[in-house]
Amino acid sequence: MEPALVNTIEKGAPVLVCVNGVFGTRMCDIVGRCGGILKRIDAEWGEPVDAEFVRRTLEDFPARIVAIVHTETSTGVLQPLE
């Protein structure tokens, strides 16, 4: 996860991170270390992130990167990615 983000995020790049467990939180930390502009969407831990909310957020925050954990092992959530 870290090499993928570090090699993708440029300083000042807008990054949307969806958080519903430990690994989403870690991605937020990585964005900060890379100098990206973080927009964080939080879901209740143990629940998937609402796809419609992500779409609406992207209308106001045109992120260059959207990061989401498909299988958040810390909470056991499988994020539907359709």
N, C-alpha and C. Protein backbone atom coordinates (compact mmCIF):
# COMPACT_ATOMS: atom_id res chain seq x y z
N MET A 1 0.81 -1.18 0.00
CA MET A 1 0.00 0.00 0.00
C MET A 1 0.86 1.25 0.00
N GLU A 2 1.85 1.30 0.88
CA GLU A 2 2.67 2.51 0.98
C GLU A 2 3.45 2.79 -0.30
N PRO A 3 4.14 1.81 -0.89
CA PRO A 3 4.86 2.11 -2.14
C PRO A 3 3.92 2.58 -3.25
N ALA A 4 2.74 2.01 -3.33
CA ALA A 4 1.80 2.42 -4.38
C ALA A 4 1.41 3.88 -4.21
N LEU A 5 1.14 4.29 -2.98
CA LEU A 5 0.75 5.68 -2.74
C LEU A 5 1.93 6.64 -2.88
N VAL A 6 3.06 6.29 -2.29
CA VAL A 6 4.22 7.18 -2.33
C VAL A 6 4.68 7.42 -3.76
N ASN A 7 4.55 6.42 -4.61
CA ASN A 7 4.97 6.57 -6.00
C ASN A 7 3.90 7.22 -6.88
N THR A 8 2.75 7.52 -6.30
CA THR A 8 1.64 8.10 -7.06
C THR A 8 1.31 9.53 -6.64
N ILE A 9 1.44 9.82 -5.37
CA ILE A 9 1.03 11.12 -4.83
C ILE A 9 2.14 12.14 -5.03
N GLU A 10 1.80 13.25 -5.68
CA GLU A 10 2.73 14.37 -5.82
C GLU A 10 2.37 15.44 -4.80
N LYS A 11 3.34 16.22 -4.39
CA LYS A 11 3.10 17.31 -3.46
C LYS A 11 2.02 18.23 -4.04
N GLY A 12 1.02 18.54 -3.23
CA GLY A 12 -0.07 19.41 -3.63
C GLY A 12 -1.20 18.72 -4.38
N ALA A 13 -1.07 17.42 -4.63
CA ALA A 13 -2.11 16.68 -5.36
C ALA A 13 -3.31 16.43 -4.45
N PRO A 14 -4.53 16.66 -4.95
CA PRO A 14 -5.73 16.37 -4.16
C PRO A 14 -5.99 14.86 -4.13
N VAL A 15 -6.13 14.32 -2.91
CA VAL A 15 -6.32 12.88 -2.72
C VAL A 15 -7.53 12.66 -1.81
N LEU A 16 -8.46 11.85 -2.28
CA LEU A 16 -9.62 11.47 -1.49
C LEU A 16 -9.37 10.09 -0.91
N VAL A 17 -9.46 9.97 0.40
CA VAL A 17 -9.26 8.68 1.06
C VAL A 17 -10.53 8.30 1.81
N CYS A 18 -10.99 7.09 1.55
CA CYS A 18 -12.17 6.55 2.23
C CYS A 18 -11.68 5.71 3.41
N VAL A 19 -12.23 5.98 4.59
CA VAL A 19 -11.74 5.34 5.81
C VAL A 19 -12.88 4.61 6.51
N ASN A 20 -12.67 3.31 6.72
CA ASN A 20 -13.59 2.54 7.56
C ASN A 20 -12.84 1.48 8.35
N GLY A 21 -11.57 1.79 8.63
CA GLY A 21 -10.74 0.89 9.41
C GLY A 21 -9.30 1.40 9.48
N VAL A 22 -8.44 0.57 10.02
CA VAL A 22 -7.05 0.95 10.27
C VAL A 22 -6.29 1.30 9.00
N PHE A 23 -6.49 0.54 7.94
CA PHE A 23 -5.69 0.75 6.73
C PHE A 23 -6.08 2.03 6.01
N GLY A 24 -7.34 2.41 6.06
CA GLY A 24 -7.74 3.70 5.51
C GLY A 24 -7.08 4.84 6.27
N THR A 25 -7.02 4.70 7.59
CA THR A 25 -6.35 5.71 8.41
C THR A 25 -4.87 5.81 8.05
N ARG A 26 -4.25 4.66 7.80
CA ARG A 26 -2.84 4.64 7.40
C ARG A 26 -2.63 5.36 6.07
N MET A 27 -3.57 5.18 5.15
CA MET A 27 -3.44 5.87 3.86
C MET A 27 -3.49 7.38 4.05
N CYS A 28 -4.32 7.85 4.98
CA CYS A 28 -4.37 9.29 5.28
C CYS A 28 -3.02 9.80 5.76
N ASP A 29 -2.38 9.03 6.63
CA ASP A 29 -1.06 9.40 7.12
C ASP A 29 -0.04 9.50 5.98
N ILE A 30 -0.12 8.56 5.05
CA ILE A 30 0.81 8.56 3.92
C ILE A 30 0.59 9.80 3.05
N VAL A 31 -0.67 10.15 2.81
CA VAL A 31 -0.97 11.34 2.01
C VAL A 31 -0.32 12.56 2.65
N GLY A 32 -0.43 12.68 3.97
CA GLY A 32 0.18 13.80 4.67
C GLY A 32 1.69 13.82 4.54
N ARG A 33 2.32 12.67 4.65
CA ARG A 33 3.78 12.62 4.52
C ARG A 33 4.24 12.95 3.11
N CYS A 34 3.41 12.67 2.12
CA CYS A 34 3.77 12.95 0.73
C CYS A 34 3.46 14.39 0.33
N GLY A 35 2.77 15.13 1.19
CA GLY A 35 2.44 16.51 0.88
C GLY A 35 1.18 16.67 0.04
N GLY A 36 0.37 15.61 -0.03
CA GLY A 36 -0.88 15.70 -0.76
C GLY A 36 -1.92 16.49 0.02
N ILE A 37 -2.95 16.94 -0.69
CA ILE A 37 -4.07 17.63 -0.05
C ILE A 37 -5.13 16.57 0.23
N LEU A 38 -5.35 16.28 1.48
CA LEU A 38 -6.21 15.18 1.90
C LEU A 38 -7.65 15.62 2.08
N LYS A 39 -8.56 14.86 1.48
CA LYS A 39 -9.99 14.93 1.79
C LYS A 39 -10.34 13.54 2.26
N ARG A 40 -10.88 13.45 3.46
CA ARG A 40 -11.15 12.16 4.09
C ARG A 40 -12.64 11.94 4.20
N ILE A 41 -13.09 10.76 3.79
CA ILE A 41 -14.48 10.35 3.98
C ILE A 41 -14.45 9.21 4.99
N ASP A 42 -15.18 9.38 6.07
CA ASP A 42 -15.23 8.35 7.10
C ASP A 42 -16.57 7.63 7.09
N ALA A 43 -16.50 6.33 7.24
CA ALA A 43 -17.67 5.51 7.47
C ALA A 43 -17.51 4.89 8.86
N GLU A 44 -18.58 4.48 9.42
CA GLU A 44 -18.53 3.76 10.70
C GLU A 44 -17.63 2.53 10.51
N TRP A 45 -16.71 2.33 11.44
CA TRP A 45 -15.86 1.14 11.34
C TRP A 45 -16.75 -0.09 11.35
N GLY A 46 -16.51 -1.00 10.41
CA GLY A 46 -17.33 -2.18 10.27
C GLY A 46 -18.41 -2.02 9.21
N GLU A 47 -18.51 -0.83 8.61
CA GLU A 47 -19.50 -0.56 7.56
C GLU A 47 -18.79 -0.11 6.29
N PRO A 48 -19.35 -0.44 5.12
CA PRO A 48 -18.73 0.05 3.88
C PRO A 48 -18.95 1.55 3.70
N VAL A 49 -18.10 2.16 2.90
CA VAL A 49 -18.22 3.58 2.56
C VAL A 49 -19.35 3.72 1.54
N ASP A 50 -20.18 4.73 1.71
CA ASP A 50 -21.31 4.96 0.83
C ASP A 50 -20.82 5.51 -0.52
N ALA A 51 -21.04 4.74 -1.59
CA ALA A 51 -20.55 5.11 -2.92
C ALA A 51 -21.17 6.42 -3.41
N GLU A 52 -22.43 6.66 -3.13
CA GLU A 52 -23.08 7.89 -3.57
C GLU A 52 -22.46 9.11 -2.89
N PHE A 53 -22.09 8.97 -1.62
CA PHE A 53 -21.43 10.07 -0.92
C PHE A 53 -20.05 10.35 -1.55
N VAL A 54 -19.36 9.30 -1.96
CA VAL A 54 -18.07 9.48 -2.63
C VAL A 54 -18.27 10.26 -3.93
N ARG A 55 -19.28 9.88 -4.72
CA ARG A 55 -19.56 10.59 -5.98
C ARG A 55 -19.86 12.06 -5.74
N ARG A 56 -20.68 12.36 -4.74
CA ARG A 56 -21.02 13.76 -4.44
C ARG A 56 -19.80 14.53 -3.97
N THR A 57 -18.96 13.90 -3.18
CA THR A 57 -17.75 14.55 -2.68
C THR A 57 -16.82 14.90 -3.84
N LEU A 58 -16.71 14.01 -4.81
CA LEU A 58 -15.82 14.25 -5.96
C LEU A 58 -16.30 15.41 -6.83
N GLU A 59 -17.58 15.74 -6.77
CA GLU A 59 -18.07 16.90 -7.52
C GLU A 59 -17.47 18.19 -6.97
N ASP A 60 -17.27 18.26 -5.65
CA ASP A 60 -16.72 19.46 -5.02
C ASP A 60 -15.22 19.39 -4.79
N PHE A 61 -14.68 18.20 -4.81
CA PHE A 61 -13.25 17.97 -4.55
C PHE A 61 -12.72 17.08 -5.67
N PRO A 62 -12.29 17.67 -6.78
CA PRO A 62 -11.84 16.86 -7.92
C PRO A 62 -10.49 16.20 -7.66
N ALA A 63 -10.53 15.11 -6.93
CA ALA A 63 -9.31 14.41 -6.53
C ALA A 63 -8.60 13.81 -7.74
N ARG A 64 -7.29 13.86 -7.71
CA ARG A 64 -6.47 13.19 -8.71
C ARG A 64 -6.39 11.71 -8.39
N ILE A 65 -6.49 11.38 -7.10
CA ILE A 65 -6.41 10.00 -6.63
C ILE A 65 -7.55 9.75 -5.66
N VAL A 66 -8.20 8.60 -5.80
CA VAL A 66 -9.18 8.13 -4.82
C VAL A 66 -8.63 6.83 -4.26
N ALA A 67 -8.48 6.76 -2.95
CA ALA A 67 -7.92 5.58 -2.30
C ALA A 67 -8.96 4.96 -1.38
N ILE A 68 -9.15 3.67 -1.53
CA ILE A 68 -10.11 2.94 -0.71
C ILE A 68 -9.60 1.51 -0.54
N VAL A 69 -9.85 0.95 0.61
CA VAL A 69 -9.42 -0.42 0.89
C VAL A 69 -10.56 -1.36 0.49
N HIS A 70 -10.25 -2.30 -0.39
CA HIS A 70 -11.28 -3.22 -0.86
C HIS A 70 -11.71 -4.18 0.26
N THR A 71 -10.75 -4.76 0.96
CA THR A 71 -11.06 -5.66 2.07
C THR A 71 -10.34 -5.15 3.30
N GLU A 72 -11.07 -4.44 4.15
CA GLU A 72 -10.49 -3.83 5.36
C GLU A 72 -10.40 -4.91 6.44
N THR A 73 -9.26 -5.56 6.50
CA THR A 73 -9.11 -6.70 7.40
C THR A 73 -9.22 -6.32 8.87
N SER A 74 -8.94 -5.07 9.21
CA SER A 74 -9.02 -4.68 10.61
C SER A 74 -10.46 -4.70 11.13
N THR A 75 -11.43 -4.54 10.21
CA THR A 75 -12.84 -4.55 10.63
C THR A 75 -13.65 -5.64 9.94
N GLY A 76 -13.05 -6.33 8.98
CA GLY A 76 -13.75 -7.41 8.30
C GLY A 76 -14.72 -6.92 7.22
N VAL A 77 -14.57 -5.70 6.74
CA VAL A 77 -15.50 -5.15 5.75
C VAL A 77 -15.00 -5.40 4.34
N LEU A 78 -15.86 -5.91 3.50
CA LEU A 78 -15.60 -6.01 2.07
C LEU A 78 -16.29 -4.82 1.44
N GLN A 79 -15.52 -3.93 0.83
CA GLN A 79 -16.05 -2.72 0.21
C GLN A 79 -16.51 -3.03 -1.20
N PRO A 80 -17.82 -2.93 -1.50
CA PRO A 80 -18.24 -3.11 -2.88
C PRO A 80 -17.68 -1.98 -3.75
N LEU A 81 -17.03 -2.32 -4.85
CA LEU A 81 -16.37 -1.31 -5.67
C LEU A 81 -17.07 -1.04 -6.99
N GLU A 82 -18.20 -1.64 -7.21
CA GLU A 82 -18.89 -1.40 -8.48
C GLU A 82 -19.09 0.06 -8.69
